[in-house]
Amino acid sequence: MSASAALVCCIHLIEDLNDNLVSLSTKSFEKIRQWMQEWLFLDGKEKEIADYLSIPNGFGVDGSLEKCIDNNYAYHRKCYMRFSDKTKIQRANKKIMEDINPVDVNTTVIRPKRSKAISWDPIGIFPPICVICSREKFVFERYSSKRKKEKLALCQTFTASKALLDSVIKKGDEKLLCKIQGIDCIAKEVKYHKSCYRTYTKRKI
């Protein structure tokens, strides 16, 4: 970091805030990266910041505390508190759920039996959106000649989880890697369209 360079709040959410900036530590770096992964699936200004931070600029897949320091990143305590507000994250998750037809959610998502040995975090559960394409997808039914919304499938096996992660790494898909790297895709209920999964994980001959 240049001695003359000014520090900047990397999660600046409160306009006209002139409080003292706090230097990043190993703990705050990891926490900001953790909440960044939460906001990537949600909406609002926090998501815009998460999208920016997920690019390889310090907090991305190849990011490190040293890179962030080189980029003159710091944070305001109030911005940090807002970015890591669990209540706000829960509300944002709820809003996404309400924006999706509840009938579709009930009929397209089959939840696996939860192991008692797993500690479940409702904040970290993935929303009912395809983790690969991030949108609704329609398929043509031959027998009815109609277009129907393709159902979402849950990642329910270690093999499926590993195949997805391996494909993400091979493709160099940093945005998706940032979402699923280091997490238990089964416990966090990662969802995808089967057609998206097949295409994404298909090996080239």
C-alpha atoms as a PDB file:
ATOM      1  CA  MET A   1       0.000   0.000   0.000  1.00  0.00           C
ATOM      2  CA  SER A   2       1.339   3.409  -0.940  1.00  0.00           C
ATOM      3  CA  ALA A   3       2.047   5.699   1.999  1.00  0.00           C
ATOM      4  CA  SER A   4       0.202   8.527   0.265  1.00  0.00           C
ATOM      5  CA  ALA A   5      -2.782   6.437  -0.862  1.00  0.00           C
ATOM      6  CA  ALA A   6      -6.063   7.058   0.913  1.00  0.00           C
ATOM      7  CA  LEU A   7      -7.924   4.169   2.505  1.00  0.00           C
ATOM      8  CA  VAL A   8     -11.404   3.433   1.146  1.00  0.00           C
ATOM      9  CA  CYS A   9     -14.372   1.655   2.689  1.00  0.00           C
ATOM     10  CA  CYS A  10     -14.754  -1.519   0.612  1.00  0.00           C
ATOM     11  CA  ILE A  11     -18.358  -2.029   1.807  1.00  0.00           C
ATOM     12  CA  HIS A  12     -19.485   1.591   1.780  1.00  0.00           C
ATOM     13  CA  LEU A  13     -23.240   1.442   2.364  1.00  0.00           C
ATOM     14  CA  ILE A  14     -23.908   4.658   4.255  1.00  0.00           C
ATOM     15  CA  GLU A  15     -23.540   7.781   2.154  1.00  0.00           C
ATOM     16  CA  ASP A  16     -21.780  10.846   3.587  1.00  0.00           C
ATOM     17  CA  LEU A  17     -20.369   8.780   6.460  1.00  0.00           C
ATOM     18  CA  ASN A  18     -17.122  10.336   7.629  1.00  0.00           C
ATOM     19  CA  ASP A  19     -16.279   8.063  10.552  1.00  0.00           C
ATOM     20  CA  ASN A  20     -12.765   6.769  10.989  1.00  0.00           C
ATOM     21  CA  LEU A  21     -11.842   3.834   8.790  1.00  0.00           C
ATOM     22  CA  VAL A  22     -10.791   0.548  10.378  1.00  0.00           C
ATOM     23  CA  SER A  23      -7.943  -1.457   8.869  1.00  0.00           C
ATOM     24  CA  LEU A  24      -8.716  -4.989   7.745  1.00  0.00           C
ATOM     25  CA  SER A  25      -7.612  -7.868   9.936  1.00  0.00           C
ATOM     26  CA  THR A  26      -7.621 -11.570   9.131  1.00  0.00           C
ATOM     27  CA  LYS A  27     -10.903 -11.937  11.031  1.00  0.00           C
ATOM     28  CA  SER A  28     -12.690  -8.985   9.388  1.00  0.00           C
ATOM     29  CA  PHE A  29     -11.429 -10.066   5.942  1.00  0.00           C
ATOM     30  CA  GLU A  30     -12.918 -13.554   6.395  1.00  0.00           C
ATOM     31  CA  LYS A  31     -16.176 -12.161   7.814  1.00  0.00           C
ATOM     32  CA  ILE A  32     -16.662  -9.734   4.917  1.00  0.00           C
ATOM     33  CA  ARG A  33     -15.968 -12.558   2.462  1.00  0.00           C
ATOM     34  CA  GLN A  34     -18.510 -14.748   4.301  1.00  0.00           C
ATOM     35  CA  TRP A  35     -21.275 -12.118   4.149  1.00  0.00           C
ATOM     36  CA  MET A  36     -20.351 -11.329   0.551  1.00  0.00           C
ATOM     37  CA  GLN A  37     -21.251 -14.930  -0.333  1.00  0.00           C
ATOM     38  CA  GLU A  38     -24.638 -14.492   1.392  1.00  0.00           C
ATOM     39  CA  TRP A  39     -25.488 -11.250  -0.447  1.00  0.00           C
ATOM     40  CA  LEU A  40     -24.551 -12.639  -3.874  1.00  0.00           C
ATOM     41  CA  PHE A  41     -27.930 -14.422  -3.931  1.00  0.00           C
ATOM     42  CA  LEU A  42     -29.999 -11.503  -2.638  1.00  0.00           C
ATOM     43  CA  ASP A  43     -31.016  -8.011  -3.757  1.00  0.00           C
ATOM     44  CA  GLY A  44     -30.198  -4.455  -2.822  1.00  0.00           C
ATOM     45  CA  LYS A  45     -27.138  -2.267  -2.546  1.00  0.00           C
ATOM     46  CA  GLU A  46     -25.427  -4.962  -0.500  1.00  0.00           C
ATOM     47  CA  LYS A  47     -25.696  -7.342  -3.470  1.00  0.00           C
ATOM     48  CA  GLU A  48     -24.128  -4.725  -5.758  1.00  0.00           C
ATOM     49  CA  ILE A  49     -21.190  -4.502  -3.376  1.00  0.00           C
ATOM     50  CA  ALA A  50     -21.007  -8.306  -3.115  1.00  0.00           C
ATOM     51  CA  ASP A  51     -20.947  -8.593  -6.922  1.00  0.00           C
ATOM     52  CA  TYR A  52     -18.052  -6.135  -7.044  1.00  0.00           C
ATOM     53  CA  LEU A  53     -16.145  -7.832  -4.240  1.00  0.00           C
ATOM     54  CA  SER A  54     -16.584 -11.277  -5.836  1.00  0.00           C
ATOM     55  CA  ILE A  55     -14.504 -10.195  -8.830  1.00  0.00           C
ATOM     56  CA  PRO A  56     -10.774 -10.997  -8.380  1.00  0.00           C
ATOM     57  CA  ASN A  57      -9.961  -7.668  -6.762  1.00  0.00           C
ATOM     58  CA  GLY A  58      -9.065  -8.817  -3.283  1.00  0.00           C
ATOM     59  CA  PHE A  59     -12.112 -10.726  -2.005  1.00  0.00           C
ATOM     60  CA  GLY A  60     -12.600 -12.997  -5.033  1.00  0.00           C
ATOM     61  CA  VAL A  61     -11.588 -16.634  -5.389  1.00  0.00           C
ATOM     62  CA  ASP A  62      -7.893 -15.771  -5.570  1.00  0.00           C
ATOM     63  CA  GLY A  63      -8.246 -12.942  -3.080  1.00  0.00           C
ATOM     64  CA  SER A  64      -6.259 -12.480   0.092  1.00  0.00           C
ATOM     65  CA  LEU A  65      -5.882 -10.058   2.963  1.00  0.00           C
ATOM     66  CA  GLU A  66      -2.623  -8.859   1.429  1.00  0.00           C
ATOM     67  CA  LYS A  67      -4.322  -7.995  -1.878  1.00  0.00           C
ATOM     68  CA  CYS A  68      -7.035  -6.065  -0.052  1.00  0.00           C
ATOM     69  CA  ILE A  69      -4.434  -4.104   1.863  1.00  0.00           C
ATOM     70  CA  ASP A  70      -2.623  -3.374  -1.414  1.00  0.00           C
ATOM     71  CA  ASN A  71      -5.945  -2.062  -2.764  1.00  0.00           C
ATOM     72  CA  ASN A  72      -6.186   0.288   0.247  1.00  0.00           C
ATOM     73  CA  TYR A  73      -9.352  -1.445   1.466  1.00  0.00           C
ATOM     74  CA  ALA A  74     -10.658  -0.695   4.933  1.00  0.00           C
ATOM     75  CA  TYR A  75     -14.168  -0.316   6.362  1.00  0.00           C
ATOM     76  CA  HIS A  76     -16.455   1.847   8.458  1.00  0.00           C
ATOM     77  CA  ARG A  77     -17.805   0.070  11.528  1.00  0.00           C
ATOM     78  CA  LYS A  78     -21.362   1.182  10.687  1.00  0.00           C
ATOM     79  CA  CYS A  79     -21.054  -0.097   7.107  1.00  0.00           C
ATOM     80  CA  TYR A  80     -19.668  -3.375   8.432  1.00  0.00           C
ATOM     81  CA  MET A  81     -22.601  -3.742  10.851  1.00  0.00           C
ATOM     82  CA  ARG A  82     -25.087  -3.134   8.038  1.00  0.00           C
ATOM     83  CA  PHE A  83     -23.363  -5.536   5.638  1.00  0.00           C
ATOM     84  CA  SER A  84     -23.372  -8.275   8.300  1.00  0.00           C
ATOM     85  CA  ASP A  85     -26.899  -7.603   9.622  1.00  0.00           C
ATOM     86  CA  LYS A  86     -28.449 -11.088   9.980  1.00  0.00           C
ATOM     87  CA  THR A  87     -31.961  -9.679  10.322  1.00  0.00           C
ATOM     88  CA  LYS A  88     -31.626  -7.787   7.050  1.00  0.00           C
ATOM     89  CA  ILE A  89     -30.291 -10.896   5.323  1.00  0.00           C
ATOM     90  CA  GLN A  90     -33.242 -12.920   6.611  1.00  0.00           C
ATOM     91  CA  ARG A  91     -35.668 -10.280   5.291  1.00  0.00           C
ATOM     92  CA  ALA A  92     -33.939 -10.282   1.903  1.00  0.00           C
ATOM     93  CA  ASN A  93     -34.165 -14.081   1.789  1.00  0.00           C
ATOM     94  CA  LYS A  94     -37.851 -13.919   2.698  1.00  0.00           C
ATOM     95  CA  LYS A  95     -38.541 -11.378  -0.050  1.00  0.00           C
ATOM     96  CA  ILE A  96     -36.970 -13.643  -2.663  1.00  0.00           C
ATOM     97  CA  MET A  97     -39.092 -16.529  -1.420  1.00  0.00           C
ATOM     98  CA  GLU A  98     -42.257 -14.407  -1.651  1.00  0.00           C
ATOM     99  CA  ASP A  99     -41.405 -13.324  -5.198  1.00  0.00           C
ATOM    100  CA  ILE A 100     -41.542 -16.943  -6.306  1.00  0.00           C
ATOM    101  CA  ASN A 101     -44.881 -18.720  -6.696  1.00  0.00           C
ATOM    102  CA  PRO A 102     -45.227 -20.822  -3.513  1.00  0.00           C
ATOM    103  CA  VAL A 103     -46.902 -23.583  -5.532  1.00  0.00           C
ATOM    104  CA  ASP A 104     -43.847 -23.844  -7.756  1.00  0.00           C
ATOM    105  CA  VAL A 105     -41.582 -24.003  -4.733  1.00  0.00           C
ATOM    106  CA  ASN A 106     -43.601 -26.815  -3.157  1.00  0.00           C
ATOM    107  CA  THR A 107     -43.842 -28.861  -6.315  1.00  0.00           C
ATOM    108  CA  THR A 108     -40.348 -28.414  -7.681  1.00  0.00           C
ATOM    109  CA  VAL A 109     -38.173 -28.777  -4.608  1.00  0.00           C
ATOM    110  CA  ILE A 110     -37.902 -32.093  -2.781  1.00  0.00           C
ATOM    111  CA  ARG A 111     -36.056 -31.684   0.492  1.00  0.00           C
ATOM    112  CA  PRO A 112     -33.759 -34.506   1.605  1.00  0.00           C
ATOM    113  CA  LYS A 113     -33.964 -35.957   5.090  1.00  0.00           C
ATOM    114  CA  ARG A 114     -31.868 -33.794   7.362  1.00  0.00           C
ATOM    115  CA  SER A 115     -29.166 -35.500   9.347  1.00  0.00           C
ATOM    116  CA  LYS A 116     -29.299 -34.816  13.077  1.00  0.00           C
ATOM    117  CA  ALA A 117     -25.540 -34.506  13.014  1.00  0.00           C
ATOM    118  CA  ILE A 118     -25.700 -31.455  10.756  1.00  0.00           C
ATOM    119  CA  SER A 119     -25.966 -27.981  12.231  1.00  0.00           C
ATOM    120  CA  TRP A 120     -28.475 -26.106  10.087  1.00  0.00           C
ATOM    121  CA  ASP A 121     -28.109 -22.376   9.494  1.00  0.00           C
ATOM    122  CA  PRO A 122     -31.328 -20.874   8.041  1.00  0.00           C
ATOM    123  CA  ILE A 123     -29.433 -17.779   6.921  1.00  0.00           C
ATOM    124  CA  GLY A 124     -27.064 -19.824   4.775  1.00  0.00           C
ATOM    125  CA  ILE A 125     -29.707 -21.944   3.030  1.00  0.00           C
ATOM    126  CA  PHE A 126     -29.663 -21.290  -0.724  1.00  0.00           C
ATOM    127  CA  PRO A 127     -32.847 -19.715  -2.150  1.00  0.00           C
ATOM    128  CA  PRO A 128     -35.042 -21.641  -4.640  1.00  0.00           C
ATOM    129  CA  ILE A 129     -33.100 -20.402  -7.669  1.00  0.00           C
ATOM    130  CA  CYS A 130     -30.883 -22.378 -10.032  1.00  0.00           C
ATOM    131  CA  VAL A 131     -27.336 -21.816  -8.806  1.00  0.00           C
ATOM    132  CA  ILE A 132     -26.051 -22.247 -12.363  1.00  0.00           C
ATOM    133  CA  CYS A 133     -28.323 -20.046 -14.514  1.00  0.00           C
ATOM    134  CA  SER A 134     -29.948 -17.931 -11.751  1.00  0.00           C
ATOM    135  CA  ARG A 135     -33.294 -17.725 -13.557  1.00  0.00           C
ATOM    136  CA  GLU A 136     -36.478 -19.601 -14.389  1.00  0.00           C
ATOM    137  CA  LYS A 137     -36.251 -22.097 -17.226  1.00  0.00           C
ATOM    138  CA  PHE A 138     -38.967 -23.610 -19.393  1.00  0.00           C
ATOM    139  CA  VAL A 139     -39.052 -26.955 -21.176  1.00  0.00           C
ATOM    140  CA  PHE A 140     -41.279 -28.237 -23.984  1.00  0.00           C
ATOM    141  CA  GLU A 141     -43.423 -31.251 -23.133  1.00  0.00           C
ATOM    142  CA  ARG A 142     -43.906 -33.486 -26.147  1.00  0.00           C
ATOM    143  CA  TYR A 143     -46.998 -35.260 -24.866  1.00  0.00           C
ATOM    144  CA  SER A 144     -48.869 -32.040 -24.069  1.00  0.00           C
ATOM    145  CA  SER A 145     -47.182 -29.717 -26.592  1.00  0.00           C
ATOM    146  CA  LYS A 146     -46.896 -27.113 -23.841  1.00  0.00           C
ATOM    147  CA  ARG A 147     -44.087 -25.187 -22.245  1.00  0.00           C
ATOM    148  CA  LYS A 148     -43.658 -25.878 -18.548  1.00  0.00           C
ATOM    149  CA  LYS A 149     -41.366 -24.424 -15.953  1.00  0.00           C
ATOM    150  CA  GLU A 150     -38.501 -26.812 -15.343  1.00  0.00           C
ATOM    151  CA  LYS A 151     -38.415 -28.106 -11.808  1.00  0.00           C
ATOM    152  CA  LEU A 152     -35.514 -27.428  -9.488  1.00  0.00           C
ATOM    153  CA  ALA A 153     -33.510 -30.308  -8.082  1.00  0.00           C
ATOM    154  CA  LEU A 154     -31.590 -30.367  -4.834  1.00  0.00           C
ATOM    155  CA  CYS A 155     -27.941 -31.302  -4.650  1.00  0.00           C
ATOM    156  CA  GLN A 156     -28.333 -34.426  -2.521  1.00  0.00           C
ATOM    157  CA  THR A 157     -25.148 -36.458  -2.975  1.00  0.00           C
ATOM    158  CA  PHE A 158     -21.447 -35.904  -2.457  1.00  0.00           C
ATOM    159  CA  THR A 159     -20.814 -37.110  -6.013  1.00  0.00           C
ATOM    160  CA  ALA A 160     -23.119 -34.449  -7.487  1.00  0.00           C
ATOM    161  CA  SER A 161     -21.565 -31.774  -5.297  1.00  0.00           C
ATOM    162  CA  LYS A 162     -18.017 -32.765  -6.263  1.00  0.00           C
ATOM    163  CA  ALA A 163     -18.872 -32.955  -9.975  1.00  0.00           C
ATOM    164  CA  LEU A 164     -20.301 -29.431  -9.851  1.00  0.00           C
ATOM    165  CA  LEU A 165     -17.305 -28.009  -7.989  1.00  0.00           C
ATOM    166  CA  ASP A 166     -14.833 -29.782 -10.293  1.00  0.00           C
ATOM    167  CA  SER A 167     -16.604 -28.345 -13.353  1.00  0.00           C
ATOM    168  CA  VAL A 168     -16.623 -24.850 -11.852  1.00  0.00           C
ATOM    169  CA  ILE A 169     -12.878 -25.040 -11.225  1.00  0.00           C
ATOM    170  CA  LYS A 170     -12.123 -26.427 -14.703  1.00  0.00           C
ATOM    171  CA  LYS A 171     -14.200 -23.694 -16.361  1.00  0.00           C
ATOM    172  CA  GLY A 172     -12.619 -20.979 -14.236  1.00  0.00           C
ATOM    173  CA  ASP A 173     -16.114 -19.795 -13.294  1.00  0.00           C
ATOM    174  CA  GLU A 174     -15.055 -17.457 -10.499  1.00  0.00           C
ATOM    175  CA  LYS A 175     -18.511 -16.078  -9.738  1.00  0.00           C
ATOM    176  CA  LEU A 176     -20.051 -19.519  -9.180  1.00  0.00           C
ATOM    177  CA  LEU A 177     -16.935 -20.758  -7.402  1.00  0.00           C
ATOM    178  CA  CYS A 178     -17.231 -17.879  -4.966  1.00  0.00           C
ATOM    179  CA  LYS A 179     -20.778 -19.043  -4.149  1.00  0.00           C
ATOM    180  CA  ILE A 180     -20.106 -22.725  -3.504  1.00  0.00           C
ATOM    181  CA  GLN A 181     -16.438 -23.053  -2.586  1.00  0.00           C
ATOM    182  CA  GLY A 182     -15.890 -24.226   0.959  1.00  0.00           C
ATOM    183  CA  ILE A 183     -19.557 -24.921   1.715  1.00  0.00           C
ATOM    184  CA  ASP A 184     -21.576 -28.110   2.130  1.00  0.00           C
ATOM    185  CA  CYS A 185     -23.823 -28.008  -0.947  1.00  0.00           C
ATOM    186  CA  ILE A 186     -26.081 -30.691   0.531  1.00  0.00           C
ATOM    187  CA  ALA A 187     -26.545 -29.048   3.932  1.00  0.00           C
ATOM    188  CA  LYS A 188     -27.009 -25.610   2.348  1.00  0.00           C
ATOM    189  CA  GLU A 189     -29.613 -27.016  -0.071  1.00  0.00           C
ATOM    190  CA  VAL A 190     -27.992 -25.903  -3.324  1.00  0.00           C
ATOM    191  CA  LYS A 191     -30.553 -26.119  -6.136  1.00  0.00           C
ATOM    192  CA  TYR A 192     -30.286 -26.303  -9.917  1.00  0.00           C
ATOM    193  CA  HIS A 193     -32.143 -27.301 -13.058  1.00  0.00           C
ATOM    194  CA  LYS A 194     -31.197 -30.848 -14.054  1.00  0.00           C
ATOM    195  CA  SER A 195     -30.650 -29.710 -17.642  1.00  0.00           C
ATOM    196  CA  CYS A 196     -28.317 -26.930 -16.476  1.00  0.00           C
ATOM    197  CA  TYR A 197     -26.427 -29.379 -14.280  1.00  0.00           C
ATOM    198  CA  ARG A 198     -26.057 -31.957 -17.066  1.00  0.00           C
ATOM    199  CA  THR A 199     -24.812 -29.364 -19.545  1.00  0.00           C
ATOM    200  CA  TYR A 200     -22.500 -27.691 -17.041  1.00  0.00           C
ATOM    201  CA  THR A 201     -20.879 -30.901 -15.786  1.00  0.00           C
ATOM    202  CA  LYS A 202     -20.755 -32.715 -19.138  1.00  0.00           C
ATOM    203  CA  ARG A 203     -17.254 -33.783 -20.018  1.00  0.00           C
ATOM    204  CA  LYS A 204     -15.958 -32.756 -23.420  1.00  0.00           C
ATOM    205  CA  ILE A 205     -14.774 -35.686 -25.484  1.00  0.00           C
END
